[in-house]
Amino acid sequence: MNNTLSNEELLKVPSVSVVVPVYGGSAALPELCRRLDLTLRSAGLSYEVILVDDRGQNEAWAAICSVAAKYSQVRGLRLGRNFGQHAATICGIAHARGEWIVTMDDDLEHPPESVPDLLAAGDEDHPLVYGVFEKRTHAAYRNMSSKLMRRMLKRAFPDLNEDYCSFRVIHAPLAKQLDRFGLNRPYIDGMLSWMTSSTRSISVPHEQRQHGESTYTMRKLVSHAANIFVTFSYLPLRIATFSGAALAAINFLYLLYVIYGRLSGSIVNPGYASLMSVVLFACGIQLLILGVVGEYVGRLMGATFRRPVYVVDCQTNVVE
């Protein structure tokens, strides 16, 4: 399906663009678009919804086409393969036409009825507004890992807003800068923290997921955290440096202990076990440091090769 908007619809540039990366919540799209349409029309806002298929489900594109056929304000973008939530969001932002851009998840955990409140909190002095959840409905391990992650990120990125969330409103001039970074493994909130500190946060309810289950497993969460720290922080390198220095100091002190023992006669024949334990421990630290350095080198290679952030395969309701 590949529709083209009429000239009359094309002239109606919306004031708000809602970008939704679609991965595992395609079943919720009809209700999501219905509630967005009701909420934004009631608020007197012209809008468009951009649904970006990140190739998470085979049925996602059919669901997007079905919703786009019902609502002329809905546009669908299908990526060539799975690029990740942040890349899919940036893709939608790049195609957005509204003065303000709302980003939200596809699973209805972010209530569409809160979008006008987010928009009302934004202005030229506060081009970025986050929705803050007072109580999250995720599983216990997700909530614990989220709190731990936020504390670690705050130490690594002092400028990062602690209330960061994928439910946000961004002024278009600021949001459009995200596509210019060209990072093949982007992290939107990290990039936004580089560009502005003028943010606001408002409380919004966190609703229960009504369709399917979250695709963020513990392995994916750990991988996402590792990518953030390696791409946006020098903290892993600093930890590797300090670990290497600490290892060198420990080994030097142990050497002094062995020399003193030999001279004093308390150590006649240093043990093989103690020697091997020191060697293996030193080798483990060295391999860890090499691995951290290798991660940074890999990121540099990716930037050098200019790997695309996203590739759009096809669209619905194309704006020409």
Protein backbone atom coordinates (compact mmCIF):
# COMPACT_ATOMS: atom_id res chain seq x y z
CA MET A 1 0.00 0.00 0.00
CA ASN A 2 1.45 3.35 -1.01
CA ASN A 3 -1.00 6.27 -0.77
CA THR A 4 -0.29 9.89 -1.65
CA LEU A 5 -1.89 12.79 0.22
CA SER A 6 -3.99 15.20 -1.78
CA ASN A 7 -2.86 18.78 -2.40
CA GLU A 8 -5.51 20.07 0.05
CA GLU A 9 -4.23 17.78 2.81
CA LEU A 10 -0.65 18.59 1.93
CA LEU A 11 -1.22 22.31 2.53
CA LYS A 12 -2.46 21.58 6.04
CA VAL A 13 0.85 21.49 7.85
CA PRO A 14 0.07 20.08 11.31
CA SER A 15 1.01 21.86 14.51
CA VAL A 16 1.82 18.55 16.23
CA SER A 17 3.55 15.42 14.97
CA VAL A 18 3.27 12.22 17.02
CA VAL A 19 6.08 9.74 16.31
CA VAL A 20 5.52 6.13 17.36
CA PRO A 21 8.18 3.45 16.73
CA VAL A 22 6.34 0.15 16.22
CA TYR A 23 8.06 -3.04 17.29
CA GLY A 24 5.93 -5.37 19.41
CA GLY A 25 2.70 -3.45 19.97
CA SER A 26 1.01 -3.43 16.57
CA ALA A 27 -2.20 -4.83 18.08
CA ALA A 28 -2.61 -1.61 20.08
CA LEU A 29 -2.31 0.73 17.08
CA PRO A 30 -6.04 1.05 16.27
CA GLU A 31 -6.86 2.06 19.86
CA LEU A 32 -3.79 4.30 20.08
CA CYS A 33 -4.74 6.23 16.94
CA ARG A 34 -8.37 6.44 17.98
CA ARG A 35 -7.49 7.94 21.36
CA LEU A 36 -4.94 10.30 19.81
CA ASP A 37 -7.51 11.49 17.27
CA LEU A 38 -10.14 12.08 19.95
CA THR A 39 -7.71 13.80 22.34
CA LEU A 40 -6.00 16.10 19.85
CA ARG A 41 -9.21 17.06 18.04
CA SER A 42 -10.84 17.89 21.38
CA ALA A 43 -7.84 20.10 22.19
CA GLY A 44 -8.24 21.92 18.87
CA LEU A 45 -4.85 20.76 17.57
CA SER A 46 -4.01 19.83 14.00
CA TYR A 47 -1.82 16.78 13.99
CA GLU A 48 -0.21 13.90 12.17
CA VAL A 49 0.81 10.47 13.47
CA ILE A 50 3.92 8.82 12.07
CA LEU A 51 4.10 5.07 12.70
CA VAL A 52 7.57 3.63 12.05
CA ASP A 53 7.68 -0.13 11.52
CA ASP A 54 10.98 -1.31 13.03
CA ARG A 55 10.49 -4.87 11.73
CA GLY A 56 9.57 -6.41 15.07
CA GLN A 57 6.44 -8.26 13.92
CA ASN A 58 5.44 -9.61 10.51
CA GLU A 59 1.92 -8.29 10.96
CA ALA A 60 3.00 -4.78 11.98
CA TRP A 61 3.08 -3.28 8.49
CA ALA A 62 -0.40 -4.60 7.63
CA ALA A 63 -1.70 -3.07 10.88
CA ILE A 64 -0.07 0.28 10.04
CA CYS A 65 -1.53 0.28 6.52
CA SER A 66 -4.97 -0.51 7.92
CA VAL A 67 -4.85 2.39 10.38
CA ALA A 68 -3.42 4.75 7.73
CA ALA A 69 -6.33 3.88 5.43
CA LYS A 70 -8.79 4.87 8.16
CA TYR A 71 -7.07 8.08 9.30
CA SER A 72 -5.64 10.47 6.70
CA GLN A 73 -3.48 12.01 9.46
CA VAL A 74 -1.61 8.73 9.92
CA ARG A 75 1.53 8.07 7.91
CA GLY A 76 3.45 4.81 7.92
CA LEU A 77 7.18 4.28 7.40
CA ARG A 78 8.68 0.79 7.08
CA LEU A 79 12.38 0.38 7.75
CA GLY A 80 14.56 -1.97 5.76
CA ARG A 81 15.41 -3.98 8.87
CA ASN A 82 15.38 -3.66 12.65
CA PHE A 83 17.48 -0.59 13.54
CA GLY A 84 16.33 -0.18 17.15
CA GLN A 85 13.83 2.04 18.96
CA HIS A 86 15.95 5.19 19.00
CA ALA A 87 16.88 4.96 15.32
CA ALA A 88 13.23 4.37 14.39
CA THR A 89 12.21 7.38 16.47
CA ILE A 90 14.80 9.58 14.77
CA CYS A 91 13.50 8.37 11.40
CA GLY A 92 9.98 9.48 12.35
CA ILE A 93 11.28 12.82 13.61
CA ALA A 94 13.12 13.40 10.33
CA HIS A 95 9.82 12.95 8.43
CA ALA A 96 7.71 14.98 10.87
CA ARG A 97 6.25 18.32 9.76
CA GLY A 98 4.78 19.66 13.01
CA GLU A 99 6.12 22.54 15.08
CA TRP A 100 6.14 20.26 18.13
CA ILE A 101 7.02 16.59 18.01
CA VAL A 102 5.67 14.05 20.48
CA THR A 103 7.43 10.69 20.87
CA MET A 104 5.68 7.79 22.57
CA ASP A 105 5.63 3.99 22.68
CA ASP A 106 3.25 1.75 20.76
CA ASP A 107 1.93 -0.28 23.73
CA LEU A 108 -0.45 2.29 25.32
CA GLU A 109 1.63 2.51 28.49
CA HIS A 110 1.96 6.19 27.55
CA PRO A 111 -1.58 7.62 27.75
CA PRO A 112 -2.55 9.67 24.67
CA GLU A 113 -4.77 11.81 26.91
CA SER A 114 -1.62 13.28 28.52
CA VAL A 115 -0.24 14.65 25.23
CA PRO A 116 -1.99 18.07 25.54
CA ASP A 117 -0.51 18.51 29.03
CA LEU A 118 2.98 17.84 27.69
CA LEU A 119 2.43 20.29 24.85
CA ALA A 120 1.13 22.97 27.23
CA ALA A 121 4.33 22.71 29.29
CA GLY A 122 6.59 23.36 26.31
CA ASP A 123 7.63 26.79 25.05
CA GLU A 124 10.60 28.44 23.36
CA ASP A 125 12.45 28.61 26.69
CA HIS A 126 11.68 24.95 27.42
CA PRO A 127 11.91 23.09 24.09
CA LEU A 128 12.02 19.65 25.76
CA VAL A 129 9.34 18.24 28.09
CA TYR A 130 9.42 14.78 29.66
CA GLY A 131 6.50 12.80 31.03
CA VAL A 132 7.37 11.46 34.50
CA PHE A 133 5.75 8.32 35.84
CA GLU A 134 5.10 8.46 39.56
CA LYS A 135 4.52 4.72 39.65
CA ARG A 136 5.60 2.34 36.90
CA THR A 137 3.61 -0.75 35.97
CA HIS A 138 6.62 -2.76 34.80
CA ALA A 139 7.81 -5.98 36.42
CA ALA A 140 9.86 -5.66 39.61
CA TYR A 141 13.17 -6.46 37.88
CA ARG A 142 12.47 -3.77 35.23
CA ASN A 143 11.77 -1.16 37.88
CA MET A 144 14.90 -2.06 39.86
CA SER A 145 17.12 -2.12 36.78
CA SER A 146 15.63 1.20 35.65
CA LYS A 147 16.44 2.89 38.97
CA LEU A 148 19.98 1.48 38.96
CA MET A 149 20.46 2.57 35.36
CA ARG A 150 19.29 6.12 36.09
CA ARG A 151 21.72 6.46 39.00
CA MET A 152 24.63 5.16 36.96
CA LEU A 153 23.78 7.37 33.99
CA LYS A 154 23.52 10.42 36.23
CA ARG A 155 27.07 9.77 37.43
CA ALA A 156 28.32 9.23 33.89
CA PHE A 157 26.33 12.16 32.40
CA PRO A 158 25.84 14.92 34.99
CA ASP A 159 23.91 16.97 32.43
CA LEU A 160 21.43 14.19 31.66
CA ASN A 161 17.90 14.89 32.87
CA GLU A 162 17.05 12.26 35.50
CA ASP A 163 13.45 12.24 34.29
CA TYR A 164 14.39 11.06 30.79
CA CYS A 165 11.72 8.94 29.14
CA SER A 166 10.56 7.99 25.65
CA PHE A 167 7.31 9.91 26.34
CA ARG A 168 8.48 13.42 25.46
CA VAL A 169 7.65 16.58 23.57
CA ILE A 170 10.41 18.29 21.57
CA HIS A 171 10.33 21.59 19.71
CA ALA A 172 10.91 20.82 16.03
CA PRO A 173 14.07 22.97 15.56
CA LEU A 174 15.72 21.03 18.39
CA ALA A 175 14.36 17.63 17.36
CA LYS A 176 15.56 17.98 13.76
CA GLN A 177 19.14 18.25 14.99
CA LEU A 178 19.02 14.60 16.11
CA ASP A 179 19.14 13.33 12.54
CA ARG A 180 22.32 15.31 11.87
CA PHE A 181 24.45 13.42 14.39
CA GLY A 182 24.64 10.37 12.15
CA LEU A 183 25.29 7.95 15.04
CA ASN A 184 24.51 4.42 13.85
CA ARG A 185 23.61 3.40 17.43
CA PRO A 186 21.91 6.56 18.71
CA TYR A 187 20.63 7.35 22.19
CA ILE A 188 18.15 10.21 21.93
CA ASP A 189 18.23 11.43 25.53
CA GLY A 190 22.01 11.48 25.55
CA MET A 191 22.09 13.56 22.38
CA LEU A 192 19.40 15.89 23.73
CA SER A 193 21.50 16.43 26.87
CA TRP A 194 24.33 17.62 24.60
CA MET A 195 22.06 20.20 22.98
CA THR A 196 19.92 21.67 25.76
CA SER A 197 19.47 21.84 29.51
CA SER A 198 16.20 23.80 29.26
CA THR A 199 13.78 21.02 30.11
CA ARG A 200 10.60 20.52 32.04
CA SER A 201 9.00 17.43 33.53
CA ILE A 202 5.35 16.81 34.34
CA SER A 203 3.69 13.85 36.04
CA VAL A 204 1.68 11.48 33.86
CA PRO A 205 0.04 8.12 34.64
CA HIS A 206 1.75 4.92 33.54
CA GLU A 207 -0.88 2.59 32.15
CA GLN A 208 -0.83 -1.19 31.94
CA ARG A 209 0.31 -2.81 28.73
CA GLN A 210 -2.82 -4.28 27.13
CA HIS A 211 -1.41 -6.18 24.16
CA GLY A 212 1.45 -8.67 24.15
CA GLU A 213 4.51 -8.58 26.38
CA SER A 214 7.50 -6.28 26.58
CA THR A 215 10.33 -7.25 24.23
CA TYR A 216 12.95 -5.69 26.53
CA THR A 217 14.56 -8.74 28.08
CA MET A 218 17.32 -8.46 30.67
CA ARG A 219 19.90 -9.26 27.97
CA LYS A 220 18.61 -6.43 25.77
CA LEU A 221 18.55 -4.02 28.72
CA VAL A 222 22.18 -4.85 29.58
CA SER A 223 23.20 -4.51 25.92
CA HIS A 224 21.40 -1.16 25.68
CA ALA A 225 23.10 0.08 28.85
CA ALA A 226 26.53 -0.99 27.59
CA ASN A 227 25.94 0.82 24.28
CA ILE A 228 24.96 4.02 26.10
CA PHE A 229 28.01 4.03 28.35
CA VAL A 230 30.47 3.22 25.56
CA THR A 231 28.96 5.67 23.05
CA PHE A 232 28.22 8.61 25.33
CA SER A 233 30.68 8.38 28.20
CA TYR A 234 34.38 8.02 28.93
CA LEU A 235 33.53 6.34 32.24
CA PRO A 236 34.37 2.78 31.07
CA LEU A 237 37.79 3.98 29.88
CA ARG A 238 38.39 5.71 33.19
CA ILE A 239 37.39 2.59 35.09
CA ALA A 240 39.78 0.56 32.93
CA THR A 241 42.56 3.08 33.60
CA PHE A 242 42.00 3.06 37.35
CA SER A 243 41.72 -0.73 37.37
CA GLY A 244 45.02 -1.03 35.53
CA ALA A 245 46.68 1.40 37.93
CA ALA A 246 45.27 -0.46 40.95
CA LEU A 247 46.47 -3.79 39.52
CA ALA A 248 49.94 -2.39 38.93
CA ALA A 249 50.07 -1.07 42.51
CA ILE A 250 48.93 -4.40 43.96
CA ASN A 251 51.47 -6.31 41.91
CA PHE A 252 54.24 -3.91 42.95
CA LEU A 253 53.35 -4.29 46.63
CA TYR A 254 53.28 -8.05 46.24
CA LEU A 255 56.72 -7.92 44.61
CA LEU A 256 58.06 -5.92 47.55
CA TYR A 257 56.53 -8.49 49.90
CA VAL A 258 58.23 -11.37 48.07
CA ILE A 259 61.60 -9.58 48.03
CA TYR A 260 61.33 -8.79 51.73
CA GLY A 261 60.37 -12.38 52.48
CA ARG A 262 63.32 -13.75 50.57
CA LEU A 263 65.76 -11.39 52.27
CA SER A 264 64.35 -12.04 55.73
CA GLY A 265 64.19 -15.76 55.19
CA SER A 266 60.44 -16.00 55.87
CA ILE A 267 59.83 -17.07 52.28
CA VAL A 268 62.12 -19.90 51.23
CA ASN A 269 60.27 -20.98 48.11
CA PRO A 270 57.40 -18.74 46.90
CA GLY A 271 54.37 -20.89 46.12
CA TYR A 272 53.26 -21.78 42.64
CA ALA A 273 49.57 -21.18 43.51
CA SER A 274 50.12 -17.60 44.66
CA LEU A 275 52.22 -16.85 41.59
CA MET A 276 49.62 -18.27 39.19
CA SER A 277 46.75 -16.47 40.93
CA VAL A 278 48.53 -13.13 40.46
CA VAL A 279 49.33 -13.91 36.81
CA LEU A 280 45.77 -15.00 35.99
CA PHE A 281 44.26 -12.02 37.80
CA ALA A 282 46.57 -9.65 35.92
CA CYS A 283 45.72 -11.30 32.59
CA GLY A 284 41.99 -11.02 33.33
CA ILE A 285 42.26 -7.29 34.06
CA GLN A 286 44.33 -6.75 30.93
CA LEU A 287 41.79 -8.57 28.76
CA LEU A 288 38.99 -6.53 30.32
CA ILE A 289 40.82 -3.29 29.53
CA LEU A 290 41.48 -4.46 25.96
CA GLY A 291 37.79 -5.30 25.59
CA VAL A 292 36.74 -1.81 26.72
CA VAL A 293 39.21 -0.19 24.34
CA GLY A 294 37.99 -2.50 21.58
CA GLU A 295 34.40 -1.32 22.11
CA TYR A 296 35.47 2.28 21.59
CA VAL A 297 37.50 1.34 18.52
CA GLY A 298 34.46 -0.46 17.14
CA ARG A 299 32.33 2.67 17.59
CA LEU A 300 34.97 4.73 15.78
CA MET A 301 35.01 2.23 12.91
CA GLY A 302 31.22 2.41 12.65
CA ALA A 303 31.39 6.21 12.47
CA THR A 304 34.15 6.03 9.85
CA PHE A 305 32.22 3.59 7.65
CA ARG A 306 29.14 5.89 7.83
CA ARG A 307 26.78 3.03 8.57
CA PRO A 308 23.23 4.37 8.05
CA VAL A 309 21.16 5.21 11.12
CA TYR A 310 18.03 3.92 9.34
CA VAL A 311 16.81 3.04 5.85
CA VAL A 312 13.17 3.55 4.82
CA ASP A 313 11.89 0.69 2.69
CA CYS A 314 8.39 1.99 1.88
CA GLN A 315 5.74 4.45 3.07
CA THR A 316 2.00 5.01 3.28
CA ASN A 317 0.24 8.37 2.74
CA VAL A 318 3.39 9.76 1.16
CA VAL A 319 3.89 13.55 1.31
CA GLU A 320 5.44 14.58 -2.00
